[in-house]
Amino acid sequence: MHLCNVIFTEHVNECLNSPCNNGGVCADLPDGYLCICQAGWTGQNCQTDTDECDSSPCQFGGTCKDGIDSFICSCLPGYTGDVCQTDIDLCNPNPCPFGWACVDT
């Protein structure tokens, strides 16, 4: 007499538990799931905020503050722009009395 075990496994849809965070979209796979993350998020379950300041986007000594899928540069005096890319000409218009020369340093 022989005994045979029949092994039957039913596919479980892991996406039914909504494992993806922060607006990530779940794709069910035969051996698990994959989260497709929204911009600004990373990780297996889209749980980690991407640090946009890692690439040091602020120029001329500006300080970067990370946000969700964004960053803000705080510029040093004399610079402006989204990434502090513009040198402000402090001599235009000339603030010096008539006849004096202005030097933008």
PDB file of N, CA and C in Angstrom:
ATOM      1  N   MET A   1       0.835  -1.161   0.000  1.00  0.00           N
ATOM      2  CA  MET A   1       0.000   0.000   0.000  1.00  0.00           C
ATOM      3  C   MET A   1       0.893   1.242   0.000  1.00  0.00           C
ATOM      4  N   HIS A   2       0.517   2.203  -0.821  1.00  0.00           N
ATOM      5  CA  HIS A   2       1.261   3.461  -0.929  1.00  0.00           C
ATOM      6  C   HIS A   2       0.353   4.610  -0.521  1.00  0.00           C
ATOM      7  N   LEU A   3       0.930   5.542   0.190  1.00  0.00           N
ATOM      8  CA  LEU A   3       0.205   6.770   0.534  1.00  0.00           C
ATOM      9  C   LEU A   3       0.835   7.917  -0.240  1.00  0.00           C
ATOM     10  N   CYS A   4       0.019   8.687  -0.836  1.00  0.00           N
ATOM     11  CA  CYS A   4       0.506   9.836  -1.604  1.00  0.00           C
ATOM     12  C   CYS A   4      -0.068  11.105  -1.002  1.00  0.00           C
ATOM     13  N   ASN A   5       0.778  12.067  -0.854  1.00  0.00           N
ATOM     14  CA  ASN A   5       0.330  13.379  -0.389  1.00  0.00           C
ATOM     15  C   ASN A   5       0.173  14.290  -1.595  1.00  0.00           C
ATOM     16  N   VAL A   6      -0.977  14.875  -1.698  1.00  0.00           N
ATOM     17  CA  VAL A   6      -1.218  15.834  -2.767  1.00  0.00           C
ATOM     18  C   VAL A   6      -0.962  17.218  -2.186  1.00  0.00           C
ATOM     19  N   ILE A   7      -0.037  17.925  -2.799  1.00  0.00           N
ATOM     20  CA  ILE A   7       0.281  19.271  -2.316  1.00  0.00           C
ATOM     21  C   ILE A   7      -0.361  20.269  -3.259  1.00  0.00           C
ATOM     22  N   PHE A   8      -1.220  21.072  -2.693  1.00  0.00           N
ATOM     23  CA  PHE A   8      -1.897  22.110  -3.475  1.00  0.00           C
ATOM     24  C   PHE A   8      -1.741  23.416  -2.718  1.00  0.00           C
ATOM     25  N   THR A   9      -1.202  24.391  -3.379  1.00  0.00           N
ATOM     26  CA  THR A   9      -1.078  25.700  -2.742  1.00  0.00           C
ATOM     27  C   THR A   9      -1.893  26.701  -3.533  1.00  0.00           C
ATOM     28  N   GLU A  10      -2.666  27.425  -2.823  1.00  0.00           N
ATOM     29  CA  GLU A  10      -3.485  28.465  -3.440  1.00  0.00           C
ATOM     30  C   GLU A  10      -2.681  29.755  -3.451  1.00  0.00           C
ATOM     31  N   HIS A  11      -2.726  30.463  -4.562  1.00  0.00           N
ATOM     32  CA  HIS A  11      -2.007  31.739  -4.645  1.00  0.00           C
ATOM     33  C   HIS A  11      -2.668  32.752  -3.708  1.00  0.00           C
ATOM     34  N   VAL A  12      -1.848  33.372  -2.894  1.00  0.00           N
ATOM     35  CA  VAL A  12      -2.327  34.403  -1.975  1.00  0.00           C
ATOM     36  C   VAL A  12      -1.979  35.759  -2.569  1.00  0.00           C
ATOM     37  N   ASN A  13      -2.960  36.624  -2.664  1.00  0.00           N
ATOM     38  CA  ASN A  13      -2.739  37.976  -3.174  1.00  0.00           C
ATOM     39  C   ASN A  13      -2.287  38.856  -2.012  1.00  0.00           C
ATOM     40  N   GLU A  14      -0.973  39.091  -1.928  1.00  0.00           N
ATOM     41  CA  GLU A  14      -0.421  39.901  -0.828  1.00  0.00           C
ATOM     42  C   GLU A  14      -0.886  41.351  -0.879  1.00  0.00           C
ATOM     43  N   CYS A  15      -1.370  41.798  -2.024  1.00  0.00           N
ATOM     44  CA  CYS A  15      -1.823  43.186  -2.148  1.00  0.00           C
ATOM     45  C   CYS A  15      -3.140  43.436  -1.411  1.00  0.00           C
ATOM     46  N   LEU A  16      -3.863  42.362  -1.065  1.00  0.00           N
ATOM     47  CA  LEU A  16      -5.130  42.544  -0.346  1.00  0.00           C
ATOM     48  C   LEU A  16      -4.923  43.205   1.011  1.00  0.00           C
ATOM     49  N   ASN A  17      -3.716  43.053   1.584  1.00  0.00           N
ATOM     50  CA  ASN A  17      -3.403  43.668   2.880  1.00  0.00           C
ATOM     51  C   ASN A  17      -2.917  45.106   2.744  1.00  0.00           C
ATOM     52  N   SER A  18      -2.895  45.641   1.537  1.00  0.00           N
ATOM     53  CA  SER A  18      -2.437  47.016   1.268  1.00  0.00           C
ATOM     54  C   SER A  18      -1.086  47.307   1.925  1.00  0.00           C
ATOM     55  N   PRO A  19      -0.031  46.592   1.521  1.00  0.00           N
ATOM     56  CA  PRO A  19       1.267  46.780   2.169  1.00  0.00           C
ATOM     57  C   PRO A  19       1.994  48.065   1.775  1.00  0.00           C
ATOM     58  N   CYS A  20       1.575  48.707   0.698  1.00  0.00           N
ATOM     59  CA  CYS A  20       2.293  49.889   0.200  1.00  0.00           C
ATOM     60  C   CYS A  20       1.796  51.154   0.900  1.00  0.00           C
ATOM     61  N   ASN A  21       2.725  51.958   1.368  1.00  0.00           N
ATOM     62  CA  ASN A  21       2.418  53.204   2.085  1.00  0.00           C
ATOM     63  C   ASN A  21       2.534  54.416   1.158  1.00  0.00           C
ATOM     64  N   ASN A  22       2.051  55.540   1.634  1.00  0.00           N
ATOM     65  CA  ASN A  22       2.252  56.847   0.995  1.00  0.00           C
ATOM     66  C   ASN A  22       1.844  56.882  -0.475  1.00  0.00           C
ATOM     67  N   GLY A  23       0.717  56.245  -0.780  1.00  0.00           N
ATOM     68  CA  GLY A  23       0.177  56.285  -2.130  1.00  0.00           C
ATOM     69  C   GLY A  23       0.813  55.316  -3.102  1.00  0.00           C
ATOM     70  N   GLY A  24       1.668  54.408  -2.598  1.00  0.00           N
ATOM     71  CA  GLY A  24       2.288  53.419  -3.468  1.00  0.00           C
ATOM     72  C   GLY A  24       1.249  52.452  -4.016  1.00  0.00           C
ATOM     73  N   VAL A  25       1.488  51.956  -5.221  1.00  0.00           N
ATOM     74  CA  VAL A  25       0.575  51.021  -5.880  1.00  0.00           C
ATOM     75  C   VAL A  25       1.174  49.618  -5.785  1.00  0.00           C
ATOM     76  N   CYS A  26       0.359  48.664  -5.342  1.00  0.00           N
ATOM     77  CA  CYS A  26       0.818  47.292  -5.148  1.00  0.00           C
ATOM     78  C   CYS A  26       0.610  46.469  -6.413  1.00  0.00           C
ATOM     79  N   ALA A  27       1.660  45.740  -6.804  1.00  0.00           N
ATOM     80  CA  ALA A  27       1.579  44.794  -7.919  1.00  0.00           C
ATOM     81  C   ALA A  27       1.785  43.396  -7.343  1.00  0.00           C
ATOM     82  N   ASP A  28       0.773  42.545  -7.479  1.00  0.00           N
ATOM     83  CA  ASP A  28       0.848  41.180  -6.967  1.00  0.00           C
ATOM     84  C   ASP A  28       1.723  40.341  -7.894  1.00  0.00           C
ATOM     85  N   LEU A  29       2.658  39.606  -7.313  1.00  0.00           N
ATOM     86  CA  LEU A  29       3.562  38.745  -8.072  1.00  0.00           C
ATOM     87  C   LEU A  29       3.358  37.294  -7.629  1.00  0.00           C
ATOM     88  N   PRO A  30       3.766  36.330  -8.432  1.00  0.00           N
ATOM     89  CA  PRO A  30       3.596  34.923  -8.037  1.00  0.00           C
ATOM     90  C   PRO A  30       4.283  34.578  -6.716  1.00  0.00           C
ATOM     91  N   ASP A  31       5.390  35.245  -6.421  1.00  0.00           N
ATOM     92  CA  ASP A  31       6.127  34.928  -5.197  1.00  0.00           C
ATOM     93  C   ASP A  31       6.180  36.097  -4.220  1.00  0.00           C
ATOM     94  N   GLY A  32       5.203  36.975  -4.259  1.00  0.00           N
ATOM     95  CA  GLY A  32       5.178  38.110  -3.340  1.00  0.00           C
ATOM     96  C   GLY A  32       4.457  39.292  -3.947  1.00  0.00           C
ATOM     97  N   TYR A  33       4.996  40.480  -3.726  1.00  0.00           N
ATOM     98  CA  TYR A  33       4.391  41.708  -4.242  1.00  0.00           C
ATOM     99  C   TYR A  33       5.484  42.729  -4.491  1.00  0.00           C
ATOM    100  N   LEU A  34       5.146  43.759  -5.226  1.00  0.00           N
ATOM    101  CA  LEU A  34       6.064  44.855  -5.512  1.00  0.00           C
ATOM    102  C   LEU A  34       5.301  46.156  -5.348  1.00  0.00           C
ATOM    103  N   CYS A  35       5.857  47.070  -4.562  1.00  0.00           N
ATOM    104  CA  CYS A  35       5.251  48.394  -4.413  1.00  0.00           C
ATOM    105  C   CYS A  35       5.883  49.347  -5.426  1.00  0.00           C
ATOM    106  N   ILE A  36       5.041  50.022  -6.172  1.00  0.00           N
ATOM    107  CA  ILE A  36       5.484  51.058  -7.107  1.00  0.00           C
ATOM    108  C   ILE A  36       5.212  52.381  -6.407  1.00  0.00           C
ATOM    109  N   CYS A  37       6.282  53.040  -5.979  1.00  0.00           N
ATOM    110  CA  CYS A  37       6.170  54.207  -5.100  1.00  0.00           C
ATOM    111  C   CYS A  37       5.879  55.494  -5.864  1.00  0.00           C
ATOM    112  N   GLN A  38       5.180  56.405  -5.186  1.00  0.00           N
ATOM    113  CA  GLN A  38       4.970  57.757  -5.691  1.00  0.00           C
ATOM    114  C   GLN A  38       6.305  58.499  -5.627  1.00  0.00           C
ATOM    115  N   ALA A  39       6.423  59.564  -6.411  1.00  0.00           N
ATOM    116  CA  ALA A  39       7.637  60.385  -6.390  1.00  0.00           C
ATOM    117  C   ALA A  39       7.905  60.859  -4.967  1.00  0.00           C
ATOM    118  N   GLY A  40       9.156  60.796  -4.548  1.00  0.00           N
ATOM    119  CA  GLY A  40       9.541  61.253  -3.219  1.00  0.00           C
ATOM    120  C   GLY A  40       9.594  60.149  -2.180  1.00  0.00           C
ATOM    121  N   TRP A  41       9.209  58.909  -2.551  1.00  0.00           N
ATOM    122  CA  TRP A  41       9.191  57.791  -1.607  1.00  0.00           C
ATOM    123  C   TRP A  41       9.963  56.615  -2.176  1.00  0.00           C
ATOM    124  N   THR A  42      10.555  55.818  -1.293  1.00  0.00           N
ATOM    125  CA  THR A  42      11.313  54.638  -1.684  1.00  0.00           C
ATOM    126  C   THR A  42      11.173  53.587  -0.588  1.00  0.00           C
ATOM    127  N   GLY A  43      11.769  52.425  -0.799  1.00  0.00           N
ATOM    128  CA  GLY A  43      11.717  51.332   0.171  1.00  0.00           C
ATOM    129  C   GLY A  43      10.750  50.250  -0.283  1.00  0.00           C
ATOM    130  N   GLN A  44      10.852  49.069   0.320  1.00  0.00           N
ATOM    131  CA  GLN A  44      10.023  47.930  -0.070  1.00  0.00           C
ATOM    132  C   GLN A  44       8.540  48.266  -0.012  1.00  0.00           C
ATOM    133  N   ASN A  45       8.134  49.044   0.989  1.00  0.00           N
ATOM    134  CA  ASN A  45       6.724  49.411   1.157  1.00  0.00           C
ATOM    135  C   ASN A  45       6.493  50.909   0.993  1.00  0.00           C
ATOM    136  N   CYS A  46       7.402  51.597   0.304  1.00  0.00           N
ATOM    137  CA  CYS A  46       7.296  53.053   0.083  1.00  0.00           C
ATOM    138  C   CYS A  46       7.233  53.803   1.412  1.00  0.00           C
ATOM    139  N   GLN A  47       8.021  53.355   2.372  1.00  0.00           N
ATOM    140  CA  GLN A  47       7.969  53.914   3.713  1.00  0.00           C
ATOM    141  C   GLN A  47       9.042  54.973   3.976  1.00  0.00           C
ATOM    142  N   THR A  48       9.988  55.140   3.058  1.00  0.00           N
ATOM    143  CA  THR A  48      11.122  56.033   3.301  1.00  0.00           C
ATOM    144  C   THR A  48      11.059  57.253   2.384  1.00  0.00           C
ATOM    145  N   ASP A  49      11.100  58.435   2.998  1.00  0.00           N
ATOM    146  CA  ASP A  49      11.131  59.688   2.238  1.00  0.00           C
ATOM    147  C   ASP A  49      12.482  59.800   1.540  1.00  0.00           C
ATOM    148  N   THR A  50      12.463  60.047   0.233  1.00  0.00           N
ATOM    149  CA  THR A  50      13.692  60.269  -0.521  1.00  0.00           C
ATOM    150  C   THR A  50      14.276  61.613  -0.095  1.00  0.00           C
ATOM    151  N   ASP A  51      15.571  61.641   0.208  1.00  0.00           N
ATOM    152  CA  ASP A  51      16.215  62.887   0.625  1.00  0.00           C
ATOM    153  C   ASP A  51      16.749  63.609  -0.610  1.00  0.00           C
ATOM    154  N   GLU A  52      15.981  64.600  -1.087  1.00  0.00           N
ATOM    155  CA  GLU A  52      16.379  65.353  -2.274  1.00  0.00           C
ATOM    156  C   GLU A  52      17.621  66.208  -2.021  1.00  0.00           C
ATOM    157  N   CYS A  53      18.016  66.379  -0.763  1.00  0.00           N
ATOM    158  CA  CYS A  53      19.214  67.163  -0.445  1.00  0.00           C
ATOM    159  C   CYS A  53      20.500  66.343  -0.588  1.00  0.00           C
ATOM    160  N   ASP A  54      20.380  65.017  -0.768  1.00  0.00           N
ATOM    161  CA  ASP A  54      21.568  64.171  -0.917  1.00  0.00           C
ATOM    162  C   ASP A  54      22.458  64.606  -2.071  1.00  0.00           C
ATOM    163  N   SER A  55      21.870  65.177  -3.107  1.00  0.00           N
ATOM    164  CA  SER A  55      22.655  65.600  -4.274  1.00  0.00           C
ATOM    165  C   SER A  55      23.242  67.003  -4.104  1.00  0.00           C
ATOM    166  N   SER A  56      23.073  67.626  -2.934  1.00  0.00           N
ATOM    167  CA  SER A  56      23.581  68.978  -2.652  1.00  0.00           C
ATOM    168  C   SER A  56      23.182  69.973  -3.739  1.00  0.00           C
ATOM    169  N   PRO A  57      21.876  70.194  -3.929  1.00  0.00           N
ATOM    170  CA  PRO A  57      21.427  71.052  -5.033  1.00  0.00           C
ATOM    171  C   PRO A  57      21.667  72.542  -4.816  1.00  0.00           C
ATOM    172  N   CYS A  58      21.827  72.982  -3.563  1.00  0.00           N
ATOM    173  CA  CYS A  58      21.971  74.419  -3.283  1.00  0.00           C
ATOM    174  C   CYS A  58      23.399  74.873  -3.582  1.00  0.00           C
ATOM    175  N   GLN A  59      23.506  75.961  -4.335  1.00  0.00           N
ATOM    176  CA  GLN A  59      24.808  76.467  -4.756  1.00  0.00           C
ATOM    177  C   GLN A  59      25.296  77.573  -3.823  1.00  0.00           C
ATOM    178  N   PHE A  60      26.566  77.914  -3.954  1.00  0.00           N
ATOM    179  CA  PHE A  60      27.206  79.048  -3.268  1.00  0.00           C
ATOM    180  C   PHE A  60      26.936  79.054  -1.767  1.00  0.00           C
ATOM    181  N   GLY A  61      27.028  77.868  -1.136  1.00  0.00           N
ATOM    182  CA  GLY A  61      26.919  77.779   0.319  1.00  0.00           C
ATOM    183  C   GLY A  61      25.507  77.785   0.857  1.00  0.00           C
ATOM    184  N   GLY A  62      24.507  77.678  -0.013  1.00  0.00           N
ATOM    185  CA  GLY A  62      23.121  77.629   0.446  1.00  0.00           C
ATOM    186  C   GLY A  62      22.853  76.359   1.244  1.00  0.00           C
ATOM    187  N   THR A  63      21.882  76.425   2.154  1.00  0.00           N
ATOM    188  CA  THR A  63      21.518  75.300   3.005  1.00  0.00           C
ATOM    189  C   THR A  63      20.242  74.650   2.484  1.00  0.00           C
ATOM    190  N   CYS A  64      20.258  73.325   2.381  1.00  0.00           N
ATOM    191  CA  CYS A  64      19.123  72.577   1.833  1.00  0.00           C
ATOM    192  C   CYS A  64      18.254  72.013   2.956  1.00  0.00           C
ATOM    193  N   LYS A  65      16.921  72.177   2.810  1.00  0.00           N
ATOM    194  CA  LYS A  65      15.962  71.565   3.738  1.00  0.00           C
ATOM    195  C   LYS A  65      15.089  70.623   2.918  1.00  0.00           C
ATOM    196  N   ASP A  66      15.097  69.329   3.298  1.00  0.00           N
ATOM    197  CA  ASP A  66      14.359  68.297   2.566  1.00  0.00           C
ATOM    198  C   ASP A  66      12.874  68.367   2.875  1.00  0.00           C
ATOM    199  N   GLY A  67      12.059  68.097   1.848  1.00  0.00           N
ATOM    200  CA  GLY A  67      10.610  67.990   1.996  1.00  0.00           C
ATOM    201  C   GLY A  67      10.145  66.713   1.327  1.00  0.00           C
ATOM    202  N   ILE A  68       8.846  66.531   1.202  1.00  0.00           N
ATOM    203  CA  ILE A  68       8.292  65.376   0.506  1.00  0.00           C
ATOM    204  C   ILE A  68       8.331  65.666  -0.996  1.00  0.00           C
ATOM    205  N   ASP A  69       9.174  64.953  -1.716  1.00  0.00           N
ATOM    206  CA  ASP A  69       9.372  65.144  -3.156  1.00  0.00           C
ATOM    207  C   ASP A  69       9.746  66.583  -3.500  1.00  0.00           C
ATOM    208  N   SER A  70      10.471  67.231  -2.584  1.00  0.00           N
ATOM    209  CA  SER A  70      10.865  68.624  -2.810  1.00  0.00           C
ATOM    210  C   SER A  70      12.018  68.987  -1.871  1.00  0.00           C
ATOM    211  N   PHE A  71      12.550  70.163  -2.070  1.00  0.00           N
ATOM    212  CA  PHE A  71      13.550  70.726  -1.166  1.00  0.00           C
ATOM    213  C   PHE A  71      13.464  72.241  -1.260  1.00  0.00           C
ATOM    214  N   ILE A  72      13.989  72.906  -0.243  1.00  0.00           N
ATOM    215  CA  ILE A  72      14.037  74.370  -0.220  1.00  0.00           C
ATOM    216  C   ILE A  72      15.458  74.778   0.131  1.00  0.00           C
ATOM    217  N   CYS A  73      16.011  75.693  -0.655  1.00  0.00           N
ATOM    218  CA  CYS A  73      17.341  76.227  -0.373  1.00  0.00           C
ATOM    219  C   CYS A  73      17.216  77.550   0.377  1.00  0.00           C
ATOM    220  N   SER A  74      17.974  77.683   1.458  1.00  0.00           N
ATOM    221  CA  SER A  74      18.119  78.965   2.154  1.00  0.00           C
ATOM    222  C   SER A  74      19.462  79.528   1.717  1.00  0.00           C
ATOM    223  N   CYS A  75      19.414  80.672   1.036  1.00  0.00           N
ATOM    224  CA  CYS A  75      20.618  81.240   0.426  1.00  0.00           C
ATOM    225  C   CYS A  75      21.375  82.141   1.391  1.00  0.00           C
ATOM    226  N   LEU A  76      22.690  82.193   1.204  1.00  0.00           N
ATOM    227  CA  LEU A  76      23.521  83.143   1.932  1.00  0.00           C
ATOM    228  C   LEU A  76      23.221  84.548   1.414  1.00  0.00           C
ATOM    229  N   PRO A  77      23.489  85.571   2.237  1.00  0.00           N
ATOM    230  CA  PRO A  77      23.281  86.945   1.763  1.00  0.00           C
ATOM    231  C   PRO A  77      24.049  87.192   0.462  1.00  0.00           C
ATOM    232  N   GLY A  78      23.383  87.846  -0.473  1.00  0.00           N
ATOM    233  CA  GLY A  78      24.001  88.158  -1.756  1.00  0.00           C
ATOM    234  C   GLY A  78      23.640  87.181  -2.862  1.00  0.00           C
ATOM    235  N   TYR A  79      22.883  86.117  -2.518  1.00  0.00           N
ATOM    236  CA  TYR A  79      22.474  85.127  -3.520  1.00  0.00           C
ATOM    237  C   TYR A  79      20.973  84.894  -3.447  1.00  0.00           C
ATOM    238  N   THR A  80      20.392  84.530  -4.577  1.00  0.00           N
ATOM    239  CA  THR A  80      18.957  84.259  -4.651  1.00  0.00           C
ATOM    240  C   THR A  80      18.709  83.195  -5.722  1.00  0.00           C
ATOM    241  N   GLY A  81      17.466  82.761  -5.853  1.00  0.00           N
ATOM    242  CA  GLY A  81      17.080  81.747  -6.839  1.00  0.00           C
ATOM    243  C   GLY A  81      16.699  80.447  -6.160  1.00  0.00           C
ATOM    244  N   ASP A  82      16.057  79.563  -6.922  1.00  0.00           N
ATOM    245  CA  ASP A  82      15.598  78.286  -6.370  1.00  0.00           C
ATOM    246  C   ASP A  82      16.720  77.478  -5.739  1.00  0.00           C
ATOM    247  N   VAL A  83      17.910  77.532  -6.333  1.00  0.00           N
ATOM    248  CA  VAL A  83      19.064  76.808  -5.795  1.00  0.00           C
ATOM    249  C   VAL A  83      20.221  77.768  -5.501  1.00  0.00           C
ATOM    250  N   CYS A  84      19.882  79.030  -5.203  1.00  0.00           N
ATOM    251  CA  CYS A  84      20.869  80.067  -4.854  1.00  0.00           C
ATOM    252  C   CYS A  84      21.861  80.310  -5.990  1.00  0.00           C
ATOM    253  N   GLN A  85      21.400  80.186  -7.222  1.00  0.00           N
ATOM    254  CA  GLN A  85      22.274  80.260  -8.388  1.00  0.00           C
ATOM    255  C   GLN A  85      22.546  81.678  -8.872  1.00  0.00           C
ATOM    256  N   THR A  86      21.815  82.673  -8.361  1.00  0.00           N
ATOM    257  CA  THR A  86      21.940  84.035  -8.875  1.00  0.00           C
ATOM    258  C   THR A  86      22.637  84.936  -7.864  1.00  0.00           C
ATOM    259  N   ASP A  87      23.742  85.538  -8.300  1.00  0.00           N
ATOM    260  CA  ASP A  87      24.471  86.510  -7.479  1.00  0.00           C
ATOM    261  C   ASP A  87      23.737  87.841  -7.589  1.00  0.00           C
ATOM    262  N   ILE A  88      23.302  88.375  -6.451  1.00  0.00           N
ATOM    263  CA  ILE A  88      22.598  89.661  -6.439  1.00  0.00           C
ATOM    264  C   ILE A  88      23.631  90.775  -6.583  1.00  0.00           C
ATOM    265  N   ASP A  89      23.437  91.656  -7.559  1.00  0.00           N
ATOM    266  CA  ASP A  89      24.332  92.798  -7.757  1.00  0.00           C
ATOM    267  C   ASP A  89      23.914  93.890  -6.780  1.00  0.00           C
ATOM    268  N   LEU A  90      24.651  93.991  -5.671  1.00  0.00           N
ATOM    269  CA  LEU A  90      24.316  94.956  -4.625  1.00  0.00           C
ATOM    270  C   LEU A  90      24.639  96.388  -5.033  1.00  0.00           C
ATOM    271  N   CYS A  91      25.287  96.561  -6.186  1.00  0.00           N
ATOM    272  CA  CYS A  91      25.625  97.898  -6.665  1.00  0.00           C
ATOM    273  C   CYS A  91      24.663  98.398  -7.737  1.00  0.00           C
ATOM    274  N   ASN A  92      23.579  97.708  -7.950  1.00  0.00           N
ATOM    275  CA  ASN A  92      22.609  98.135  -8.957  1.00  0.00           C
ATOM    276  C   ASN A  92      21.230  98.175  -8.326  1.00  0.00           C
ATOM    277  N   PRO A  93      20.689  99.319  -8.050  1.00  0.00           N
ATOM    278  CA  PRO A  93      21.274 100.641  -8.309  1.00  0.00           C
ATOM    279  C   PRO A  93      22.380 100.974  -7.300  1.00  0.00           C
ATOM    280  N   ASN A  94      23.234 101.888  -7.688  1.00  0.00           N
ATOM    281  CA  ASN A  94      24.371 102.289  -6.867  1.00  0.00           C
ATOM    282  C   ASN A  94      23.888 102.964  -5.579  1.00  0.00           C
ATOM    283  N   PRO A  95      24.182 102.345  -4.402  1.00  0.00           N
ATOM    284  CA  PRO A  95      23.734 102.920  -3.136  1.00  0.00           C
ATOM    285  C   PRO A  95      24.681 103.992  -2.581  1.00  0.00           C
ATOM    286  N   CYS A  96      25.813 104.197  -3.226  1.00  0.00           N
ATOM    287  CA  CYS A  96      26.822 105.125  -2.713  1.00  0.00           C
ATOM    288  C   CYS A  96      26.477 106.566  -3.092  1.00  0.00           C
ATOM    289  N   PRO A  97      26.949 107.523  -2.276  1.00  0.00           N
ATOM    290  CA  PRO A  97      26.733 108.941  -2.608  1.00  0.00           C
ATOM    291  C   PRO A  97      27.365 109.272  -3.960  1.00  0.00           C
ATOM    292  N   PHE A  98      26.869 110.322  -4.569  1.00  0.00           N
ATOM    293  CA  PHE A  98      27.328 110.755  -5.887  1.00  0.00           C
ATOM    294  C   PHE A  98      28.846 110.844  -5.926  1.00  0.00           C
ATOM    295  N   GLY A  99      29.428 110.202  -6.936  1.00  0.00           N
ATOM    296  CA  GLY A  99      30.876 110.261  -7.119  1.00  0.00           C
ATOM    297  C   GLY A  99      31.617 109.114  -6.454  1.00  0.00           C
ATOM    298  N   TRP A 100      30.982 108.385  -5.585  1.00  0.00           N
ATOM    299  CA  TRP A 100      31.639 107.265  -4.924  1.00  0.00           C
ATOM    300  C   TRP A 100      31.412 106.005  -5.757  1.00  0.00           C
ATOM    301  N   ALA A 101      32.364 105.100  -5.697  1.00  0.00           N
ATOM    302  CA  ALA A 101      32.250 103.849  -6.449  1.00  0.00           C
ATOM    303  C   ALA A 101      31.741 102.734  -5.535  1.00  0.00           C
ATOM    304  N   CYS A 102      30.866 101.940  -6.075  1.00  0.00           N
ATOM    305  CA  CYS A 102      30.345 100.780  -5.344  1.00  0.00           C
ATOM    306  C   CYS A 102      31.072  99.534  -5.831  1.00  0.00           C
ATOM    307  N   VAL A 103      31.487  98.674  -4.908  1.00  0.00           N
ATOM    308  CA  VAL A 103      32.147  97.418  -5.253  1.00  0.00           C
ATOM    309  C   VAL A 103      31.333  96.281  -4.644  1.00  0.00           C
ATOM    310  N   ASP A 104      30.776  95.431  -5.505  1.00  0.00           N
ATOM    311  CA  ASP A 104      30.000  94.266  -5.054  1.00  0.00           C
ATOM    312  C   ASP A 104      30.976  93.149  -4.714  1.00  0.00           C
ATOM    313  N   THR A 105      31.061  92.791  -3.437  1.00  0.00           N
ATOM    314  CA  THR A 105      32.027  91.753  -3.023  1.00  0.00           C
ATOM    315  C   THR A 105      31.352  90.455  -2.707  1.00  0.00           C
TER     316      THR A 105
END
